């Protein structure tokens, strides 16, 4: 009966060996992640050290709003315009209530909504940064997101500080209906005032940036740049294919495709983004802080 023999004992490792093996599995569980680009397995610590970019294929993973701000601004920045929360104006319920979705998103992200504003130093420049959080109901834009970005625009205009918005969103938040759609016009009109004041506005589009966000402030920058491989568009490619009943070109709606067609000004790797923004502000003749 030699085919029943296993390493560690005649009939297996025994209770102690089995417990040690199970404990080892628990200790390593969740420490690896599969890259959706090359399908390779990456040690999470290595991924974090590489700015959440796959070291093998350079696929850019999603990044939370707080880490985005940490990546761009020098230590000592100030979070502003916080404390706003959605009130569920429609009493919306689908599979579960909107209130429950909001509660779960707040618990998961530690944020009040899908946006963070900050004021700080980007190299020598004092800037306003508004970063979206995709982990909060897909980064969808409701009344709170719209108001928070509008406040960032006003803060940049009054203080004459460049505005940088990092977009990551599935679009308008359907649970708030027309109140969500109105944010498109609200932010766009505020950006028109910022343009009249000749204060620079740069939008960084990340994966994904779609729907009403793309149809409003994400495409209104003086400079529109994107991370490699980011999905950017209004409707998703699957919806478009079903509508026109045609096969879409390879890489359709990815940032490289949009750059080629003139929808973007640049595609910039994440590790080069901060230096690129500093250089762009210098080209825009933004005075550095003494």
Protein backbone atom coordinates (compact mmCIF):
# COMPACT_ATOMS: atom_id res chain seq x y z
CA UNK A 1 0.00 0.00 0.00
CA UNK A 2 2.93 2.29 -0.69
CA UNK A 3 0.77 4.60 -2.80
CA UNK A 4 -0.85 5.87 0.45
CA UNK A 5 2.48 6.98 1.95
CA UNK A 6 3.17 10.70 2.17
CA UNK A 7 6.07 12.81 3.27
CA UNK A 8 6.03 13.34 7.06
CA UNK A 9 4.65 9.92 8.00
CA UNK A 10 3.48 6.61 6.67
CA UNK A 11 -0.10 7.78 6.22
CA UNK A 12 0.33 11.53 5.97
CA UNK A 13 1.64 14.43 7.99
CA UNK A 14 -0.61 13.81 10.97
CA UNK A 15 -2.73 16.41 12.82
CA UNK A 16 0.23 18.60 13.79
CA UNK A 17 1.66 18.68 10.27
CA UNK A 18 -1.76 19.40 8.77
CA UNK A 19 -2.28 22.30 11.18
CA UNK A 20 1.12 23.79 10.31
CA UNK A 21 0.38 23.51 6.58
CA UNK A 22 -3.00 25.20 7.04
CA UNK A 23 -1.41 27.98 9.09
CA UNK A 24 1.21 28.54 6.38
CA UNK A 25 -1.52 28.87 3.75
CA UNK A 26 -3.39 31.42 5.87
CA UNK A 27 -0.22 33.48 6.39
CA UNK A 28 0.45 33.77 2.66
CA UNK A 29 -3.19 34.13 1.56
CA UNK A 30 -3.88 37.55 0.07
CA UNK A 31 -0.22 38.44 -0.37
CA UNK A 32 -0.25 37.83 -4.12
CA UNK A 33 -2.26 39.39 -6.92
CA UNK A 34 -2.78 38.44 -10.56
CA UNK A 35 -2.05 41.08 -13.16
CA UNK A 36 -4.97 41.60 -15.54
CA UNK A 37 -2.49 42.67 -18.22
CA UNK A 38 0.02 39.81 -18.47
CA UNK A 39 -1.84 37.38 -16.13
CA UNK A 40 1.34 37.02 -14.10
CA UNK A 41 1.30 36.64 -10.32
CA UNK A 42 2.87 39.54 -8.40
CA UNK A 43 3.92 39.82 -4.78
CA UNK A 44 1.78 42.67 -3.40
CA UNK A 45 4.71 44.31 -1.63
CA UNK A 46 6.61 44.48 -4.93
CA UNK A 47 3.55 45.95 -6.64
CA UNK A 48 3.16 48.64 -3.97
CA UNK A 49 6.85 49.52 -4.19
CA UNK A 50 6.44 49.96 -7.97
CA UNK A 51 3.57 52.50 -7.62
CA UNK A 52 0.96 49.80 -8.33
CA UNK A 53 2.41 49.19 -11.80
CA UNK A 54 3.12 45.61 -12.92
CA UNK A 55 6.92 45.21 -13.09
CA UNK A 56 6.54 42.70 -15.95
CA UNK A 57 4.13 44.32 -18.42
CA UNK A 58 3.74 47.87 -16.98
CA UNK A 59 -0.02 47.46 -16.53
CA UNK A 60 -1.28 50.31 -14.32
CA UNK A 61 -3.46 49.06 -11.48
CA UNK A 62 -6.14 51.30 -9.97
CA UNK A 63 -4.97 53.58 -7.18
CA UNK A 64 -6.98 55.11 -4.35
CA UNK A 65 -7.55 58.85 -4.02
CA UNK A 66 -5.42 59.31 -0.90
CA UNK A 67 -2.47 57.48 -2.45
CA UNK A 68 -2.86 59.57 -5.61
CA UNK A 69 -2.47 62.71 -3.57
CA UNK A 70 0.51 61.22 -1.73
CA UNK A 71 2.10 60.46 -5.09
CA UNK A 72 1.72 64.01 -6.42
CA UNK A 73 2.06 66.36 -3.46
CA UNK A 74 4.92 66.91 -1.06
CA UNK A 75 4.41 65.86 2.58
CA UNK A 76 2.49 68.40 4.64
CA UNK A 77 -0.39 68.99 2.22
CA UNK A 78 -3.84 69.85 3.61
CA UNK A 79 -7.08 67.98 2.90
CA UNK A 80 -9.91 70.47 2.34
CA UNK A 81 -13.62 70.63 1.46
CA UNK A 82 -14.41 67.43 3.36
CA UNK A 83 -17.39 66.42 5.50
CA UNK A 84 -20.03 66.36 2.72
CA UNK A 85 -22.27 63.28 2.54
CA UNK A 86 -25.00 62.18 0.13
CA UNK A 87 -28.53 62.20 1.58
CA UNK A 88 -30.23 59.72 -0.81
CA UNK A 89 -32.59 62.37 -2.29
CA UNK A 90 -34.63 59.82 -4.26
CA UNK A 91 -34.88 57.08 -1.64
CA UNK A 92 -33.37 54.84 -4.33
CA UNK A 93 -33.42 51.04 -4.08
CA UNK A 94 -32.41 48.39 -6.61
CA UNK A 95 -30.86 45.12 -5.42
CA UNK A 96 -30.27 46.94 -2.14
CA UNK A 97 -30.93 50.46 -0.92
CA UNK A 98 -28.68 53.38 -1.83
CA UNK A 99 -28.24 54.11 1.88
CA UNK A 100 -26.77 50.63 2.39
CA UNK A 101 -24.46 51.09 -0.60
CA UNK A 102 -23.24 54.40 0.81
CA UNK A 103 -22.64 52.87 4.23
CA UNK A 104 -20.70 49.95 2.73
CA UNK A 105 -18.60 52.28 0.55
CA UNK A 106 -17.76 54.51 3.52
CA UNK A 107 -16.75 51.49 5.58
CA UNK A 108 -14.58 50.09 2.76
CA UNK A 109 -12.79 53.32 1.80
CA UNK A 110 -12.88 55.45 4.94
CA UNK A 111 -14.12 58.37 2.81
CA UNK A 112 -17.37 60.35 2.89
CA UNK A 113 -17.73 60.05 -0.89
CA UNK A 114 -15.78 59.32 -4.07
CA UNK A 115 -13.56 62.42 -3.95
CA UNK A 116 -10.74 64.06 -1.97
CA UNK A 117 -9.52 67.65 -2.29
CA UNK A 118 -6.10 68.79 -1.15
CA UNK A 119 -3.92 71.90 -1.27
CA UNK A 120 -0.18 71.48 -1.26
CA UNK A 121 3.13 71.69 -3.09
CA UNK A 122 3.70 69.99 -6.42
CA UNK A 123 7.42 70.59 -6.68
CA UNK A 124 7.79 74.38 -6.45
CA UNK A 125 4.11 75.06 -7.27
CA UNK A 126 1.20 75.45 -4.84
CA UNK A 127 -1.73 73.60 -6.40
CA UNK A 128 -5.24 72.32 -5.72
CA UNK A 129 -5.67 68.58 -6.36
CA UNK A 130 -9.04 66.86 -6.60
CA UNK A 131 -8.66 63.06 -6.77
CA UNK A 132 -11.52 60.62 -7.41
CA UNK A 133 -11.87 57.31 -5.55
CA UNK A 134 -12.99 54.46 -7.83
CA UNK A 135 -13.50 52.17 -4.84
CA UNK A 136 -16.46 54.31 -3.71
CA UNK A 137 -19.38 53.06 -5.86
CA UNK A 138 -17.19 53.00 -8.95
CA UNK A 139 -16.08 56.61 -8.48
CA UNK A 140 -19.54 57.67 -9.66
CA UNK A 141 -20.38 61.38 -9.64
CA UNK A 142 -23.25 62.35 -7.39
CA UNK A 143 -24.13 65.68 -5.81
CA UNK A 144 -21.30 65.45 -3.26
CA UNK A 145 -18.64 64.73 -5.89
CA UNK A 146 -19.95 67.57 -8.05
CA UNK A 147 -20.02 70.04 -5.17
CA UNK A 148 -16.57 69.02 -3.94
CA UNK A 149 -14.98 69.44 -7.37
CA UNK A 150 -16.80 72.75 -7.85
CA UNK A 151 -15.33 73.93 -4.54
CA UNK A 152 -11.88 72.87 -5.71
CA UNK A 153 -12.37 74.93 -8.89
CA UNK A 154 -13.49 77.98 -6.89
CA UNK A 155 -10.58 77.57 -4.46
CA UNK A 156 -8.13 77.45 -7.38
CA UNK A 157 -9.69 80.51 -9.02
CA UNK A 158 -9.80 82.67 -5.88
CA UNK A 159 -6.30 81.63 -4.77
CA UNK A 160 -4.94 81.69 -8.33
CA UNK A 161 -3.53 78.19 -7.86
CA UNK A 162 -3.39 75.64 -10.69
CA UNK A 163 -6.06 72.93 -10.50
CA UNK A 164 -5.29 69.25 -11.11
CA UNK A 165 -8.15 66.75 -11.23
CA UNK A 166 -7.38 63.02 -11.23
CA UNK A 167 -10.39 61.36 -12.85
CA UNK A 168 -11.37 57.74 -12.15
CA UNK A 169 -15.07 57.12 -12.60
CA UNK A 170 -17.82 55.05 -14.11
CA UNK A 171 -19.79 58.24 -14.76
CA UNK A 172 -22.83 59.89 -13.21
CA UNK A 173 -24.37 58.17 -10.16
CA UNK A 174 -27.71 56.75 -11.28
CA UNK A 175 -28.99 56.51 -7.68
CA UNK A 176 -29.25 60.32 -7.62
CA UNK A 177 -30.92 60.74 -10.99
CA UNK A 178 -31.09 64.27 -12.41
CA UNK A 179 -29.28 65.66 -9.34
CA UNK A 180 -26.24 63.73 -10.53
CA UNK A 181 -26.55 64.83 -14.17
CA UNK A 182 -26.76 68.49 -13.13
CA UNK A 183 -23.22 68.24 -11.73
CA UNK A 184 -21.89 68.10 -15.30
CA UNK A 185 -23.14 71.62 -16.03
CA UNK A 186 -22.25 72.87 -12.55
CA UNK A 187 -18.58 71.87 -12.79
CA UNK A 188 -18.28 72.90 -16.44
CA UNK A 189 -19.57 76.41 -15.73
CA UNK A 190 -17.13 76.75 -12.80
CA UNK A 191 -14.29 75.68 -15.10
CA UNK A 192 -15.34 78.34 -17.61
CA UNK A 193 -14.84 80.94 -14.88
CA UNK A 194 -11.45 79.41 -14.08
CA UNK A 195 -10.50 79.73 -17.75
CA UNK A 196 -11.63 83.37 -17.81
CA UNK A 197 -9.35 83.97 -14.81
CA UNK A 198 -6.48 82.37 -16.79
CA UNK A 199 -5.71 79.83 -14.05
CA UNK A 200 -4.35 76.53 -15.44
CA UNK A 201 -6.43 73.37 -15.23
CA UNK A 202 -4.89 69.95 -15.91
CA UNK A 203 -6.92 66.74 -15.97
CA UNK A 204 -5.26 63.35 -15.44
CA UNK A 205 -7.46 60.57 -16.81
CA UNK A 206 -6.97 57.13 -15.28
CA UNK A 207 -8.56 53.73 -15.78
CA UNK A 208 -11.51 54.01 -16.16
CA UNK A 209 -12.86 57.47 -16.97
CA UNK A 210 -16.28 57.12 -18.57
CA UNK A 211 -19.84 58.43 -18.76
CA UNK A 212 -20.81 61.88 -17.56
CA UNK A 213 -17.35 62.54 -16.12
CA UNK A 214 -15.78 62.18 -19.57
CA UNK A 215 -18.63 64.25 -21.04
CA UNK A 216 -17.85 67.13 -18.70
CA UNK A 217 -14.77 68.11 -16.69
CA UNK A 218 -12.47 65.22 -17.70
CA UNK A 219 -12.14 66.61 -21.23
CA UNK A 220 -12.05 70.31 -20.41
CA UNK A 221 -8.48 70.66 -19.22
CA UNK A 222 -5.97 73.07 -20.68
CA UNK A 223 -3.92 69.89 -20.75
CA UNK A 224 -5.56 66.45 -20.83
CA UNK A 225 -3.18 63.60 -20.08
CA UNK A 226 -3.79 59.92 -19.32
CA UNK A 227 -2.04 56.92 -17.85
CA UNK A 228 -1.10 54.07 -20.22
CA UNK A 229 -3.89 51.66 -21.08
CA UNK A 230 -6.65 53.69 -19.42
CA UNK A 231 -10.22 53.10 -20.66
CA UNK A 232 -11.64 56.52 -21.60
CA UNK A 233 -14.96 57.21 -23.27
CA UNK A 234 -18.63 57.98 -22.82
CA UNK A 235 -20.33 54.64 -23.48
CA UNK A 236 -18.38 51.43 -22.98
CA UNK A 237 -17.01 49.48 -25.98
CA UNK A 238 -19.43 46.59 -25.44
CA UNK A 239 -22.43 48.95 -25.59
CA UNK A 240 -21.06 50.60 -28.74
CA UNK A 241 -20.50 47.24 -30.46
CA UNK A 242 -24.04 46.16 -29.64
CA UNK A 243 -25.42 49.45 -30.94
CA UNK A 244 -23.55 49.74 -34.24
CA UNK A 245 -23.24 45.95 -34.71
CA UNK A 246 -19.63 46.25 -35.82
CA UNK A 247 -16.32 45.05 -34.43
CA UNK A 248 -14.36 47.90 -32.88
CA UNK A 249 -10.66 48.52 -33.69
CA UNK A 250 -7.99 46.98 -31.48
CA UNK A 251 -7.38 49.11 -28.39
CA UNK A 252 -10.50 51.22 -29.01
CA UNK A 253 -11.06 53.80 -26.22
CA UNK A 254 -7.70 53.07 -24.62
CA UNK A 255 -5.50 56.07 -23.94
CA UNK A 256 -2.96 55.27 -26.69
CA UNK A 257 -5.76 55.04 -29.27
CA UNK A 258 -7.23 58.36 -28.11
CA UNK A 259 -3.83 60.05 -28.22
CA UNK A 260 -3.40 58.92 -31.82
CA UNK A 261 -6.84 60.34 -32.70
CA UNK A 262 -6.17 63.69 -31.03
CA UNK A 263 -8.43 63.35 -27.98
CA UNK A 264 -5.50 63.53 -25.53
CA UNK A 265 -2.39 65.67 -25.27
CA UNK A 266 -0.13 63.01 -23.77
CA UNK A 267 0.06 59.52 -22.25
CA UNK A 268 2.38 59.51 -19.25
CA UNK A 269 3.69 56.61 -17.16
CA UNK A 270 2.82 56.86 -13.49
CA UNK A 271 6.43 57.08 -12.32
CA UNK A 272 6.95 60.09 -14.62
CA UNK A 273 3.67 61.84 -13.86
CA UNK A 274 4.80 64.19 -11.10
CA UNK A 275 7.82 65.46 -13.02
CA UNK A 276 5.66 65.87 -16.14
CA UNK A 277 3.12 68.00 -14.25
CA UNK A 278 5.83 70.19 -12.73
CA UNK A 279 7.32 70.78 -16.18
CA UNK A 280 3.88 71.48 -17.66
CA UNK A 281 3.15 74.14 -15.04
CA UNK A 282 6.50 75.75 -15.78
CA UNK A 283 5.55 75.90 -19.48
CA UNK A 284 2.26 77.52 -18.46
CA UNK A 285 4.27 80.28 -16.74
CA UNK A 286 2.90 79.48 -13.29
CA UNK A 287 5.12 81.34 -10.82
CA UNK A 288 6.93 79.12 -8.34
CA UNK A 289 6.64 79.70 -4.60
CA UNK A 290 9.66 81.58 -3.22
